[in-house]
Every structure is written in structure tokens, then in C-alpha cells.
Amino acid sequence: MTDTSDEGRPRRPRMTGAARREQLVTVGRGVFAAKGIDGTSVEEIAATAEVSKPIVYEHFGGKEGLYAVVVDRELRALTEAITTALTAGGSDRQTIERAALALFDYIEGSPDGFRILVRDVSGESPAGTYSSLMSDAAAQVAYLLSDAFEQRGYATRTAPMYAQMLVGMVSLTGQWWLETRTPAKEVVAAHVVNLAWNGLGNLDERPALDGRG
């Protein structure tokens, strides 16, 4: 016999604790992406998930706890994708291609997650941030560039600076593509690599500004 409420409407099956937690994470990701942590309330999260506020507090202690879980999951997913791309071997160009496409793949698969990671947050935020992730990625790129620079006779001490440039270019292009979604991610990645690769392939050994106007 179907379980019904006092009004005769069928009751929704009761979720397990784990399922409810996952539901709240999914709901929280969407709300935080749209409004940020400061613009989001526990009441809104609970209403969207169709639960009472105490349920949210029970699982996460409040919106800050839920936000921390959402950010941690997104950072882990993006970190794994970028690290895999940078350490898979192959030529320098292939490494750049994989790393650029890894970011665009993540943006396509988790746009709300990326919006959360790149948004400036004025309230409580976890220790791990998108900027720290990009700094870690730049460190890995700098390590790769150091070998390439040494082989080509460039000053290896400049590799970290060039790594910041490359990572910043890909990151900002990703933020732009998040909103435009055109052209296709493969096309955007190809253009990023075109600029990066052809730029790196024709570096001046001692670059200087061409006059100051």
C-alpha cells in the first residue's frame, strides 16, 4: 500500500543520510554559483532542497560548511585533471594542449563549480582557492619550462615568470569562455596553444621594450 500524507498525497521516499547530503551539495553548488556565499542563506538552500533548515545544519553546520565541501570537491576535480594533463608525458606542445583542454573540459562539465572557484568571496572561504590551484599549476609548468629553456639556451630563472603568463592566459580565457561558450572548446584551446607555442618558439634571448613612445 502506498504511504500517504494526511492530505492523501503520496509521501516522497525518505532519503538516506548519504543521499540527502549529496542532494544538499548539488543544490548548494547551484545556489552558490548564482549568488555567492554572501548572497546565499541557509533558508534559501533549505527551500530549494525542500527540507527544513535543521537538516542543513545537521549535515554541514551551516552554509559555510556546505560551501567548504562544494569548493573542496571542485578543487579536487580540477586539480586532478590539470595534474594529469601536465604529467602525462609527450612533447612540450602536447603538454600545453592537454593542460588547456583539461581546463575547458572541466568548465564544460562543471560550469557552476568553475563560477564558484573564480568568484571573489568576501565572507568565509576554505583555505584552498582557485588562485592557489593556479599557482600550483604554474609551479609545475615552470618545472617543465626550465628544462625546455635550458635546452634552448634561455635563462632558466625566467621560467617561473613565463609559467605565470601561460597559466594566466589559459585561466582568463577559460573565464571568458564560461560565459560565451563559443567557439567550441577545442577551437579555443587550439588558439590558446597557437599563441603560447608560437610565442615560446620564437623567444628573444634578451627581450626588451621597443621604445617608450
N, C-alpha and C. Protein backbone atom coordinates (compact mmCIF):
# COMPACT_ATOMS: atom_id res chain seq x y z
N MET A 1 0.86 -1.19 0.00
CA MET A 1 0.00 0.00 0.00
C MET A 1 0.89 1.24 0.00
N THR A 2 0.50 2.24 -0.80
CA THR A 2 1.31 3.45 -0.92
C THR A 2 1.21 4.29 0.33
N ASP A 3 2.35 4.73 0.85
CA ASP A 3 2.37 5.60 2.01
C ASP A 3 1.87 6.98 1.62
N THR A 4 0.89 7.51 2.38
CA THR A 4 0.32 8.80 2.02
C THR A 4 0.39 9.74 3.20
N SER A 5 0.30 11.03 2.92
CA SER A 5 0.27 12.05 3.96
C SER A 5 -1.16 12.19 4.45
N ASP A 6 -1.36 13.10 5.42
CA ASP A 6 -2.69 13.33 5.95
C ASP A 6 -3.62 13.86 4.88
N GLU A 7 -3.09 14.56 3.87
CA GLU A 7 -3.93 15.11 2.82
C GLU A 7 -4.19 14.10 1.72
N GLY A 8 -3.69 12.90 1.86
CA GLY A 8 -3.91 11.87 0.87
C GLY A 8 -2.92 11.86 -0.27
N ARG A 9 -1.89 12.73 -0.20
CA ARG A 9 -0.87 12.76 -1.24
C ARG A 9 0.23 11.76 -0.93
N PRO A 10 0.76 11.11 -1.96
CA PRO A 10 1.84 10.14 -1.72
C PRO A 10 3.04 10.81 -1.08
N ARG A 11 3.63 10.17 -0.10
CA ARG A 11 4.84 10.69 0.52
C ARG A 11 6.04 10.39 -0.37
N ARG A 12 6.99 11.29 -0.37
CA ARG A 12 8.23 11.02 -1.08
C ARG A 12 9.06 10.02 -0.28
N PRO A 13 9.73 9.11 -0.95
CA PRO A 13 10.58 8.15 -0.22
C PRO A 13 11.60 8.90 0.63
N ARG A 14 11.83 8.42 1.83
CA ARG A 14 12.79 9.06 2.72
C ARG A 14 14.21 8.79 2.22
N MET A 15 15.00 9.85 2.12
CA MET A 15 16.38 9.71 1.67
C MET A 15 17.26 9.18 2.78
N THR A 16 18.28 8.43 2.40
CA THR A 16 19.31 8.06 3.37
C THR A 16 20.12 9.31 3.70
N GLY A 17 20.89 9.25 4.77
CA GLY A 17 21.72 10.39 5.15
C GLY A 17 22.70 10.76 4.06
N ALA A 18 23.31 9.73 3.44
CA ALA A 18 24.29 9.98 2.38
C ALA A 18 23.63 10.62 1.17
N ALA A 19 22.45 10.13 0.80
CA ALA A 19 21.75 10.69 -0.36
C ALA A 19 21.32 12.13 -0.09
N ARG A 20 20.86 12.40 1.12
CA ARG A 20 20.45 13.77 1.47
C ARG A 20 21.65 14.71 1.41
N ARG A 21 22.79 14.24 1.89
CA ARG A 21 24.00 15.07 1.87
C ARG A 21 24.38 15.40 0.42
N GLU A 22 24.32 14.42 -0.46
CA GLU A 22 24.65 14.65 -1.86
C GLU A 22 23.66 15.62 -2.49
N GLN A 23 22.39 15.48 -2.13
CA GLN A 23 21.39 16.40 -2.66
C GLN A 23 21.70 17.83 -2.24
N LEU A 24 22.06 18.02 -0.99
CA LEU A 24 22.35 19.36 -0.50
C LEU A 24 23.61 19.94 -1.16
N VAL A 25 24.59 19.09 -1.43
CA VAL A 25 25.80 19.55 -2.12
C VAL A 25 25.43 20.03 -3.52
N THR A 26 24.60 19.27 -4.22
CA THR A 26 24.17 19.64 -5.57
C THR A 26 23.38 20.95 -5.55
N VAL A 27 22.44 21.05 -4.63
CA VAL A 27 21.64 22.27 -4.50
C VAL A 27 22.54 23.45 -4.14
N GLY A 28 23.42 23.24 -3.16
CA GLY A 28 24.31 24.31 -2.74
C GLY A 28 25.19 24.80 -3.87
N ARG A 29 25.70 23.88 -4.68
CA ARG A 29 26.56 24.29 -5.80
C ARG A 29 25.81 25.25 -6.72
N GLY A 30 24.58 24.94 -7.03
CA GLY A 30 23.80 25.80 -7.92
C GLY A 30 23.51 27.16 -7.31
N VAL A 31 23.14 27.18 -6.04
CA VAL A 31 22.80 28.44 -5.39
C VAL A 31 24.05 29.30 -5.19
N PHE A 32 25.14 28.69 -4.75
CA PHE A 32 26.37 29.44 -4.55
C PHE A 32 26.89 30.00 -5.87
N ALA A 33 26.75 29.24 -6.96
CA ALA A 33 27.21 29.71 -8.27
C ALA A 33 26.43 30.94 -8.70
N ALA A 34 25.15 30.96 -8.39
CA ALA A 34 24.30 32.07 -8.81
C ALA A 34 24.46 33.30 -7.93
N LYS A 35 24.66 33.10 -6.62
CA LYS A 35 24.61 34.23 -5.69
C LYS A 35 25.85 34.42 -4.84
N GLY A 36 26.77 33.47 -4.84
CA GLY A 36 27.93 33.56 -3.97
C GLY A 36 27.55 33.22 -2.54
N ILE A 37 28.55 33.00 -1.71
CA ILE A 37 28.26 32.61 -0.34
C ILE A 37 27.61 33.74 0.45
N ASP A 38 28.02 34.98 0.19
CA ASP A 38 27.45 36.09 0.94
C ASP A 38 26.00 36.34 0.58
N GLY A 39 25.63 36.05 -0.66
CA GLY A 39 24.26 36.28 -1.09
C GLY A 39 23.33 35.11 -0.87
N THR A 40 23.85 34.05 -0.25
CA THR A 40 23.08 32.84 -0.04
C THR A 40 22.76 32.67 1.44
N SER A 41 21.57 32.21 1.72
CA SER A 41 21.15 31.95 3.11
C SER A 41 20.83 30.47 3.29
N VAL A 42 20.90 30.01 4.52
CA VAL A 42 20.50 28.64 4.82
C VAL A 42 19.04 28.43 4.45
N GLU A 43 18.23 29.45 4.65
CA GLU A 43 16.81 29.35 4.32
C GLU A 43 16.62 29.05 2.83
N GLU A 44 17.40 29.73 1.99
CA GLU A 44 17.27 29.51 0.55
C GLU A 44 17.72 28.12 0.15
N ILE A 45 18.82 27.67 0.74
CA ILE A 45 19.30 26.32 0.45
C ILE A 45 18.26 25.29 0.85
N ALA A 46 17.72 25.45 2.05
CA ALA A 46 16.72 24.50 2.54
C ALA A 46 15.47 24.52 1.67
N ALA A 47 15.02 25.71 1.29
CA ALA A 47 13.82 25.81 0.47
C ALA A 47 14.02 25.17 -0.90
N THR A 48 15.19 25.40 -1.49
CA THR A 48 15.47 24.82 -2.80
C THR A 48 15.53 23.31 -2.73
N ALA A 49 16.09 22.79 -1.63
CA ALA A 49 16.20 21.34 -1.45
C ALA A 49 14.91 20.73 -0.90
N GLU A 50 13.97 21.59 -0.53
CA GLU A 50 12.69 21.17 0.05
C GLU A 50 12.90 20.37 1.33
N VAL A 51 13.74 20.95 2.19
CA VAL A 51 13.98 20.37 3.52
C VAL A 51 13.88 21.50 4.54
N SER A 52 13.91 21.15 5.80
CA SER A 52 13.92 22.16 6.85
C SER A 52 15.34 22.65 7.10
N LYS A 53 15.47 23.85 7.65
CA LYS A 53 16.80 24.39 7.95
C LYS A 53 17.62 23.49 8.86
N PRO A 54 17.02 22.85 9.88
CA PRO A 54 17.82 21.98 10.74
C PRO A 54 18.53 20.85 9.99
N ILE A 55 17.96 20.42 8.86
CA ILE A 55 18.61 19.37 8.07
C ILE A 55 19.95 19.87 7.53
N VAL A 56 19.96 21.11 7.05
CA VAL A 56 21.21 21.69 6.53
C VAL A 56 22.24 21.81 7.65
N TYR A 57 21.79 22.29 8.79
CA TYR A 57 22.71 22.43 9.94
C TYR A 57 23.21 21.06 10.40
N GLU A 58 22.34 20.07 10.35
CA GLU A 58 22.73 18.74 10.81
C GLU A 58 23.86 18.16 9.97
N HIS A 59 23.80 18.38 8.67
CA HIS A 59 24.81 17.80 7.77
C HIS A 59 26.07 18.64 7.64
N PHE A 60 25.93 19.98 7.71
CA PHE A 60 27.08 20.82 7.39
C PHE A 60 27.37 21.90 8.42
N GLY A 61 26.52 22.06 9.41
CA GLY A 61 26.75 23.07 10.43
C GLY A 61 26.40 24.48 9.99
N GLY A 62 25.97 24.65 8.76
CA GLY A 62 25.63 25.96 8.24
C GLY A 62 26.07 26.10 6.80
N LYS A 63 25.83 27.27 6.23
CA LYS A 63 26.17 27.45 4.81
C LYS A 63 27.68 27.44 4.57
N GLU A 64 28.47 27.90 5.56
CA GLU A 64 29.92 27.89 5.39
C GLU A 64 30.46 26.47 5.27
N GLY A 65 29.91 25.56 6.06
CA GLY A 65 30.34 24.18 5.98
C GLY A 65 29.99 23.55 4.65
N LEU A 66 28.80 23.84 4.16
CA LEU A 66 28.38 23.32 2.85
C LEU A 66 29.24 23.92 1.74
N TYR A 67 29.51 25.21 1.84
CA TYR A 67 30.34 25.87 0.84
C TYR A 67 31.73 25.25 0.79
N ALA A 68 32.29 24.97 1.95
CA ALA A 68 33.63 24.38 2.02
C ALA A 68 33.67 23.02 1.32
N VAL A 69 32.63 22.22 1.50
CA VAL A 69 32.57 20.91 0.86
C VAL A 69 32.48 21.07 -0.65
N VAL A 70 31.63 22.00 -1.11
CA VAL A 70 31.47 22.23 -2.55
C VAL A 70 32.80 22.67 -3.17
N VAL A 71 33.47 23.64 -2.55
CA VAL A 71 34.74 24.14 -3.08
C VAL A 71 35.80 23.05 -3.08
N ASP A 72 35.87 22.28 -2.01
CA ASP A 72 36.87 21.22 -1.92
C ASP A 72 36.68 20.21 -3.03
N ARG A 73 35.45 19.82 -3.31
CA ARG A 73 35.20 18.85 -4.38
C ARG A 73 35.58 19.39 -5.74
N GLU A 74 35.24 20.66 -5.98
CA GLU A 74 35.57 21.25 -7.28
C GLU A 74 37.07 21.40 -7.45
N LEU A 75 37.75 21.82 -6.40
CA LEU A 75 39.21 21.95 -6.47
C LEU A 75 39.88 20.61 -6.72
N ARG A 76 39.38 19.58 -6.04
CA ARG A 76 39.96 18.25 -6.24
C ARG A 76 39.79 17.78 -7.68
N ALA A 77 38.61 17.99 -8.24
CA ALA A 77 38.34 17.56 -9.61
C ALA A 77 39.23 18.31 -10.61
N LEU A 78 39.34 19.62 -10.45
CA LEU A 78 40.14 20.41 -11.37
C LEU A 78 41.63 20.14 -11.18
N THR A 79 42.06 19.98 -9.94
CA THR A 79 43.47 19.68 -9.67
C THR A 79 43.88 18.36 -10.31
N GLU A 80 43.04 17.36 -10.16
CA GLU A 80 43.35 16.05 -10.75
C GLU A 80 43.45 16.14 -12.26
N ALA A 81 42.52 16.88 -12.88
CA ALA A 81 42.52 17.00 -14.34
C ALA A 81 43.77 17.71 -14.84
N ILE A 82 44.14 18.80 -14.19
CA ILE A 82 45.30 19.57 -14.64
C ILE A 82 46.59 18.83 -14.36
N THR A 83 46.70 18.21 -13.19
CA THR A 83 47.91 17.47 -12.85
C THR A 83 48.12 16.31 -13.80
N THR A 84 47.04 15.61 -14.13
CA THR A 84 47.14 14.50 -15.09
C THR A 84 47.63 15.01 -16.44
N ALA A 85 47.10 16.15 -16.87
CA ALA A 85 47.49 16.71 -18.16
C ALA A 85 48.96 17.10 -18.19
N LEU A 86 49.45 17.65 -17.09
CA LEU A 86 50.82 18.15 -17.05
C LEU A 86 51.86 17.06 -16.84
N THR A 87 51.43 15.90 -16.39
CA THR A 87 52.39 14.84 -16.06
C THR A 87 52.25 13.60 -16.95
N ALA A 88 51.49 13.72 -18.03
CA ALA A 88 51.23 12.55 -18.87
C ALA A 88 52.34 12.27 -19.88
N GLY A 89 53.34 13.13 -19.93
CA GLY A 89 54.43 12.91 -20.86
C GLY A 89 54.12 13.48 -22.24
N GLY A 90 54.97 13.19 -23.21
CA GLY A 90 54.80 13.72 -24.55
C GLY A 90 55.62 14.98 -24.76
N SER A 91 55.43 15.62 -25.90
CA SER A 91 56.19 16.81 -26.23
C SER A 91 55.70 18.01 -25.41
N ASP A 92 56.48 19.08 -25.42
CA ASP A 92 56.08 20.29 -24.72
C ASP A 92 54.76 20.82 -25.26
N ARG A 93 54.61 20.82 -26.56
CA ARG A 93 53.37 21.31 -27.17
C ARG A 93 52.18 20.46 -26.74
N GLN A 94 52.36 19.15 -26.75
CA GLN A 94 51.26 18.27 -26.33
C GLN A 94 50.87 18.52 -24.87
N THR A 95 51.85 18.81 -24.04
CA THR A 95 51.57 19.11 -22.64
C THR A 95 50.72 20.37 -22.51
N ILE A 96 51.09 21.40 -23.26
CA ILE A 96 50.32 22.64 -23.24
C ILE A 96 48.91 22.40 -23.75
N GLU A 97 48.78 21.63 -24.83
CA GLU A 97 47.47 21.31 -25.38
C GLU A 97 46.59 20.60 -24.36
N ARG A 98 47.16 19.58 -23.71
CA ARG A 98 46.37 18.81 -22.75
C ARG A 98 45.94 19.67 -21.57
N ALA A 99 46.85 20.51 -21.09
CA ALA A 99 46.52 21.34 -19.93
C ALA A 99 45.42 22.34 -20.27
N ALA A 100 45.51 22.98 -21.43
CA ALA A 100 44.47 23.93 -21.84
C ALA A 100 43.13 23.23 -21.99
N LEU A 101 43.13 22.09 -22.67
CA LEU A 101 41.88 21.37 -22.90
C LEU A 101 41.31 20.81 -21.60
N ALA A 102 42.18 20.45 -20.66
CA ALA A 102 41.70 19.95 -19.37
C ALA A 102 40.87 21.00 -18.66
N LEU A 103 41.31 22.25 -18.71
CA LEU A 103 40.55 23.33 -18.08
C LEU A 103 39.21 23.53 -18.78
N PHE A 104 39.22 23.54 -20.10
CA PHE A 104 37.97 23.73 -20.83
C PHE A 104 37.02 22.55 -20.64
N ASP A 105 37.55 21.35 -20.55
CA ASP A 105 36.71 20.18 -20.25
C ASP A 105 36.02 20.34 -18.90
N TYR A 106 36.79 20.81 -17.92
CA TYR A 106 36.22 21.00 -16.59
C TYR A 106 35.13 22.07 -16.61
N ILE A 107 35.40 23.18 -17.28
CA ILE A 107 34.41 24.26 -17.35
C ILE A 107 33.13 23.77 -18.00
N GLU A 108 33.27 23.00 -19.07
CA GLU A 108 32.09 22.48 -19.77
C GLU A 108 31.30 21.52 -18.88
N GLY A 109 32.01 20.69 -18.13
CA GLY A 109 31.35 19.68 -17.31
C GLY A 109 30.84 20.20 -15.99
N SER A 110 31.44 21.28 -15.47
CA SER A 110 31.04 21.81 -14.17
C SER A 110 31.06 23.34 -14.18
N PRO A 111 30.18 23.95 -14.98
CA PRO A 111 30.18 25.42 -15.07
C PRO A 111 29.88 26.09 -13.73
N ASP A 112 28.94 25.51 -12.97
CA ASP A 112 28.65 26.11 -11.66
C ASP A 112 29.86 26.02 -10.74
N GLY A 113 30.55 24.89 -10.78
CA GLY A 113 31.73 24.74 -9.95
C GLY A 113 32.80 25.75 -10.31
N PHE A 114 33.00 25.99 -11.60
CA PHE A 114 34.02 26.95 -12.02
C PHE A 114 33.63 28.37 -11.62
N ARG A 115 32.34 28.70 -11.73
CA ARG A 115 31.88 30.02 -11.29
C ARG A 115 32.20 30.24 -9.82
N ILE A 116 31.99 29.21 -9.02
CA ILE A 116 32.27 29.31 -7.59
C ILE A 116 33.76 29.52 -7.35
N LEU A 117 34.60 28.76 -8.07
CA LEU A 117 36.04 28.82 -7.83
C LEU A 117 36.63 30.18 -8.20
N VAL A 118 36.13 30.80 -9.26
CA VAL A 118 36.76 32.03 -9.72
C VAL A 118 36.14 33.28 -9.11
N ARG A 119 35.03 33.13 -8.39
CA ARG A 119 34.37 34.29 -7.80
C ARG A 119 35.16 34.78 -6.59
N ASP A 120 35.33 36.08 -6.46
CA ASP A 120 35.94 36.66 -5.26
C ASP A 120 34.93 36.57 -4.13
N VAL A 121 35.35 36.04 -3.01
CA VAL A 121 34.46 35.84 -1.88
C VAL A 121 34.92 36.73 -0.73
N SER A 122 34.02 37.55 -0.20
CA SER A 122 34.39 38.45 0.89
C SER A 122 34.12 37.84 2.26
N GLY A 123 33.31 36.77 2.29
CA GLY A 123 33.00 36.15 3.57
C GLY A 123 33.91 34.98 3.87
N GLU A 124 33.40 33.98 4.59
CA GLU A 124 34.19 32.81 4.94
C GLU A 124 34.53 32.03 3.68
N SER A 125 35.75 31.54 3.61
CA SER A 125 36.14 30.72 2.46
C SER A 125 37.16 29.69 2.91
N PRO A 126 37.19 28.53 2.24
CA PRO A 126 38.15 27.50 2.60
C PRO A 126 39.57 27.94 2.33
N ALA A 127 40.52 27.22 2.91
CA ALA A 127 41.93 27.57 2.71
C ALA A 127 42.34 27.40 1.26
N GLY A 128 41.86 26.31 0.60
CA GLY A 128 42.19 26.08 -0.79
C GLY A 128 41.37 26.98 -1.69
N THR A 129 41.98 27.66 -2.63
CA THR A 129 41.28 28.55 -3.53
C THR A 129 41.72 28.30 -4.96
N TYR A 130 40.97 28.87 -5.89
CA TYR A 130 41.33 28.74 -7.30
C TYR A 130 42.69 29.36 -7.57
N SER A 131 42.97 30.49 -6.93
CA SER A 131 44.26 31.14 -7.15
C SER A 131 45.41 30.26 -6.67
N SER A 132 45.21 29.56 -5.55
CA SER A 132 46.27 28.67 -5.07
C SER A 132 46.45 27.49 -6.01
N LEU A 133 45.35 27.02 -6.59
CA LEU A 133 45.44 25.94 -7.57
C LEU A 133 46.21 26.39 -8.80
N MET A 134 45.92 27.59 -9.29
CA MET A 134 46.63 28.10 -10.45
C MET A 134 48.12 28.32 -10.14
N SER A 135 48.42 28.71 -8.91
CA SER A 135 49.82 28.87 -8.50
C SER A 135 50.54 27.52 -8.52
N ASP A 136 49.85 26.49 -8.05
CA ASP A 136 50.43 25.14 -8.08
C ASP A 136 50.65 24.69 -9.52
N ALA A 137 49.68 24.98 -10.38
CA ALA A 137 49.82 24.60 -11.79
C ALA A 137 50.99 25.35 -12.42
N ALA A 138 51.13 26.63 -12.07
CA ALA A 138 52.24 27.43 -12.61
C ALA A 138 53.58 26.86 -12.18
N ALA A 139 53.65 26.35 -10.94
CA ALA A 139 54.90 25.75 -10.45
C ALA A 139 55.26 24.52 -11.28
N GLN A 140 54.25 23.72 -11.62
CA GLN A 140 54.51 22.54 -12.45
C GLN A 140 54.93 22.94 -13.85
N VAL A 141 54.28 23.96 -14.40
CA VAL A 141 54.65 24.43 -15.73
C VAL A 141 56.06 25.01 -15.72
N ALA A 142 56.40 25.74 -14.65
CA ALA A 142 57.75 26.31 -14.55
C ALA A 142 58.81 25.22 -14.57
N TYR A 143 58.52 24.11 -13.90
CA TYR A 143 59.47 22.99 -13.88
C TYR A 143 59.69 22.45 -15.30
N LEU A 144 58.59 22.33 -16.05
CA LEU A 144 58.70 21.85 -17.43
C LEU A 144 59.44 22.85 -18.31
N LEU A 145 59.13 24.13 -18.13
CA LEU A 145 59.77 25.15 -18.96
C LEU A 145 61.26 25.28 -18.67
N SER A 146 61.65 25.04 -17.44
CA SER A 146 63.06 25.15 -17.08
C SER A 146 63.91 24.24 -17.94
N ASP A 147 63.46 23.00 -18.11
CA ASP A 147 64.21 22.06 -18.96
C ASP A 147 64.22 22.54 -20.41
N ALA A 148 63.05 22.99 -20.89
CA ALA A 148 62.97 23.45 -22.28
C ALA A 148 63.84 24.68 -22.50
N PHE A 149 63.85 25.59 -21.55
CA PHE A 149 64.67 26.79 -21.68
C PHE A 149 66.15 26.45 -21.68
N GLU A 150 66.52 25.54 -20.80
CA GLU A 150 67.93 25.16 -20.72
C GLU A 150 68.41 24.56 -22.03
N GLN A 151 67.57 23.73 -22.64
CA GLN A 151 67.93 23.10 -23.90
C GLN A 151 68.08 24.12 -25.02
N ARG A 152 67.34 25.22 -24.92
CA ARG A 152 67.37 26.23 -25.98
C ARG A 152 68.29 27.40 -25.67
N GLY A 153 68.96 27.35 -24.52
CA GLY A 153 69.91 28.38 -24.18
C GLY A 153 69.30 29.63 -23.57
N TYR A 154 68.02 29.55 -23.11
CA TYR A 154 67.39 30.69 -22.45
C TYR A 154 67.69 30.66 -20.96
N ALA A 155 67.55 31.81 -20.33
CA ALA A 155 67.80 31.89 -18.89
C ALA A 155 66.70 31.14 -18.14
N THR A 156 67.08 30.10 -17.43
CA THR A 156 66.08 29.29 -16.73
C THR A 156 65.42 30.04 -15.58
N ARG A 157 66.07 31.08 -15.08
CA ARG A 157 65.49 31.83 -13.97
C ARG A 157 64.19 32.54 -14.37
N THR A 158 63.98 32.70 -15.68
CA THR A 158 62.75 33.36 -16.14
C THR A 158 61.60 32.38 -16.32
N ALA A 159 61.86 31.09 -16.18
CA ALA A 159 60.81 30.08 -16.41
C ALA A 159 59.58 30.29 -15.53
N PRO A 160 59.74 30.58 -14.21
CA PRO A 160 58.53 30.81 -13.39
C PRO A 160 57.69 31.98 -13.88
N MET A 161 58.32 33.03 -14.39
CA MET A 161 57.59 34.18 -14.90
C MET A 161 56.78 33.80 -16.14
N TYR A 162 57.39 33.06 -17.04
CA TYR A 162 56.69 32.62 -18.24
C TYR A 162 55.56 31.64 -17.88
N ALA A 163 55.79 30.84 -16.86
CA ALA A 163 54.75 29.90 -16.42
C ALA A 163 53.52 30.65 -15.93
N GLN A 164 53.74 31.74 -15.17
CA GLN A 164 52.62 32.56 -14.71
C GLN A 164 51.86 33.15 -15.89
N MET A 165 52.59 33.57 -16.90
CA MET A 165 51.95 34.14 -18.10
C MET A 165 51.07 33.10 -18.80
N LEU A 166 51.61 31.91 -18.97
CA LEU A 166 50.87 30.86 -19.65
C LEU A 166 49.61 30.47 -18.89
N VAL A 167 49.77 30.23 -17.59
CA VAL A 167 48.64 29.81 -16.77
C VAL A 167 47.59 30.92 -16.70
N GLY A 168 48.05 32.17 -16.57
CA GLY A 168 47.11 33.29 -16.54
C GLY A 168 46.34 33.42 -17.84
N MET A 169 47.01 33.22 -18.96
CA MET A 169 46.35 33.31 -20.25
C MET A 169 45.26 32.25 -20.38
N VAL A 170 45.57 31.03 -20.01
CA VAL A 170 44.59 29.96 -20.11
C VAL A 170 43.44 30.19 -19.14
N SER A 171 43.76 30.61 -17.92
CA SER A 171 42.74 30.81 -16.90
C SER A 171 41.75 31.90 -17.29
N LEU A 172 42.26 33.06 -17.73
CA LEU A 172 41.38 34.16 -18.11
C LEU A 172 40.57 33.83 -19.35
N THR A 173 41.18 33.10 -20.28
CA THR A 173 40.42 32.68 -21.46
C THR A 173 39.30 31.73 -21.06
N GLY A 174 39.58 30.88 -20.08
CA GLY A 174 38.55 29.97 -19.58
C GLY A 174 37.39 30.72 -18.97
N GLN A 175 37.68 31.78 -18.21
CA GLN A 175 36.61 32.57 -17.61
C GLN A 175 35.77 33.27 -18.69
N TRP A 176 36.42 33.73 -19.74
CA TRP A 176 35.69 34.33 -20.85
C TRP A 176 34.81 33.29 -21.54
N TRP A 177 35.36 32.10 -21.78
CA TRP A 177 34.62 31.06 -22.50
C TRP A 177 33.45 30.52 -21.67
N LEU A 178 33.56 30.58 -20.36
CA LEU A 178 32.48 30.13 -19.49
C LEU A 178 31.18 30.85 -19.84
N GLU A 179 31.26 32.11 -20.18
CA GLU A 179 30.07 32.90 -20.48
C GLU A 179 29.69 32.87 -21.95
N THR A 180 30.67 32.74 -22.85
CA THR A 180 30.36 32.80 -24.28
C THR A 180 30.01 31.43 -24.87
N ARG A 181 30.77 30.42 -24.46
CA ARG A 181 30.62 29.04 -24.94
C ARG A 181 30.73 28.92 -26.47
N THR A 182 31.38 29.87 -27.06
CA THR A 182 31.62 29.82 -28.50
C THR A 182 32.92 30.54 -28.79
N PRO A 183 33.75 30.03 -29.69
CA PRO A 183 33.58 28.79 -30.44
C PRO A 183 33.76 27.55 -29.56
N ALA A 184 33.78 26.38 -30.17
CA ALA A 184 33.90 25.13 -29.43
C ALA A 184 35.20 25.11 -28.63
N LYS A 185 35.17 24.36 -27.52
CA LYS A 185 36.33 24.35 -26.62
C LYS A 185 37.60 23.91 -27.32
N GLU A 186 37.49 22.97 -28.26
CA GLU A 186 38.68 22.51 -28.97
C GLU A 186 39.28 23.63 -29.82
N VAL A 187 38.40 24.47 -30.38
CA VAL A 187 38.87 25.59 -31.20
C VAL A 187 39.57 26.62 -30.32
N VAL A 188 38.96 26.94 -29.18
CA VAL A 188 39.56 27.91 -28.26
C VAL A 188 40.91 27.40 -27.76
N ALA A 189 40.95 26.12 -27.36
CA ALA A 189 42.21 25.54 -26.88
C ALA A 189 43.28 25.59 -27.96
N ALA A 190 42.89 25.34 -29.20
CA ALA A 190 43.85 25.38 -30.31
C ALA A 190 44.43 26.78 -30.49
N HIS A 191 43.60 27.79 -30.34
CA HIS A 191 44.08 29.17 -30.47
C HIS A 191 44.98 29.56 -29.30
N VAL A 192 44.63 29.11 -28.11
CA VAL A 192 45.49 29.37 -26.95
C VAL A 192 46.86 28.76 -27.17
N VAL A 193 46.87 27.51 -27.61
CA VAL A 193 48.14 26.82 -27.86
C VAL A 193 48.89 27.49 -29.00
N ASN A 194 48.18 27.97 -30.00
CA ASN A 194 48.81 28.65 -31.12
C ASN A 194 49.60 29.87 -30.64
N LEU A 195 48.96 30.67 -29.78
CA LEU A 195 49.64 31.85 -29.24
C LEU A 195 50.79 31.45 -28.32
N ALA A 196 50.53 30.49 -27.45
CA ALA A 196 51.56 30.08 -26.48
C ALA A 196 52.73 29.41 -27.18
N TRP A 197 52.45 28.48 -28.04
CA TRP A 197 53.52 27.70 -28.67
C TRP A 197 54.35 28.54 -29.61
N ASN A 198 53.69 29.31 -30.47
CA ASN A 198 54.45 30.12 -31.41
C ASN A 198 55.20 31.24 -30.70
N GLY A 199 54.63 31.71 -29.58
CA GLY A 199 55.35 32.69 -28.79
C GLY A 199 56.59 32.10 -28.15
N LEU A 200 56.44 30.92 -27.54
CA LEU A 200 57.57 30.26 -26.90
C LEU A 200 58.61 29.83 -27.92
N GLY A 201 58.15 29.49 -29.12
CA GLY A 201 59.07 29.00 -30.14
C GLY A 201 59.92 30.09 -30.76
N ASN A 202 59.55 31.36 -30.52
CA ASN A 202 60.30 32.47 -31.13
C ASN A 202 60.72 33.51 -30.09
N LEU A 203 61.08 33.03 -28.92
CA LEU A 203 61.50 33.95 -27.87
C LEU A 203 62.82 34.63 -28.22
N ASP A 204 62.92 35.91 -27.85
CA ASP A 204 64.22 36.57 -27.91
C ASP A 204 65.00 36.19 -26.66
N GLU A 205 66.30 35.96 -26.85
CA GLU A 205 67.11 35.57 -25.70
C GLU A 205 67.20 36.69 -24.67
N ARG A 206 67.24 37.92 -25.15
CA ARG A 206 67.29 39.08 -24.25
C ARG A 206 66.19 40.07 -24.67
N PRO A 207 64.95 39.82 -24.28
CA PRO A 207 63.86 40.69 -24.72
C PRO A 207 63.95 42.08 -24.12
N ALA A 208 63.51 43.08 -24.88
CA ALA A 208 63.50 44.46 -24.40
C ALA A 208 62.33 45.18 -25.02
N LEU A 209 61.84 46.21 -24.34
CA LEU A 209 60.75 47.00 -24.88
C LEU A 209 61.25 47.80 -26.06
N ASP A 210 60.40 47.94 -27.07
CA ASP A 210 60.79 48.63 -28.30
C ASP A 210 60.41 50.10 -28.20
N GLY A 211 61.09 50.82 -27.33
CA GLY A 211 60.82 52.25 -27.15
C GLY A 211 59.67 52.47 -26.20
N ARG A 212 59.59 53.66 -25.67
CA ARG A 212 58.53 54.02 -24.71
C ARG A 212 57.68 55.18 -25.19
N GLY A 213 57.63 55.38 -26.50
CA GLY A 213 56.73 56.38 -27.08
C GLY A 213 57.18 57.78 -26.88
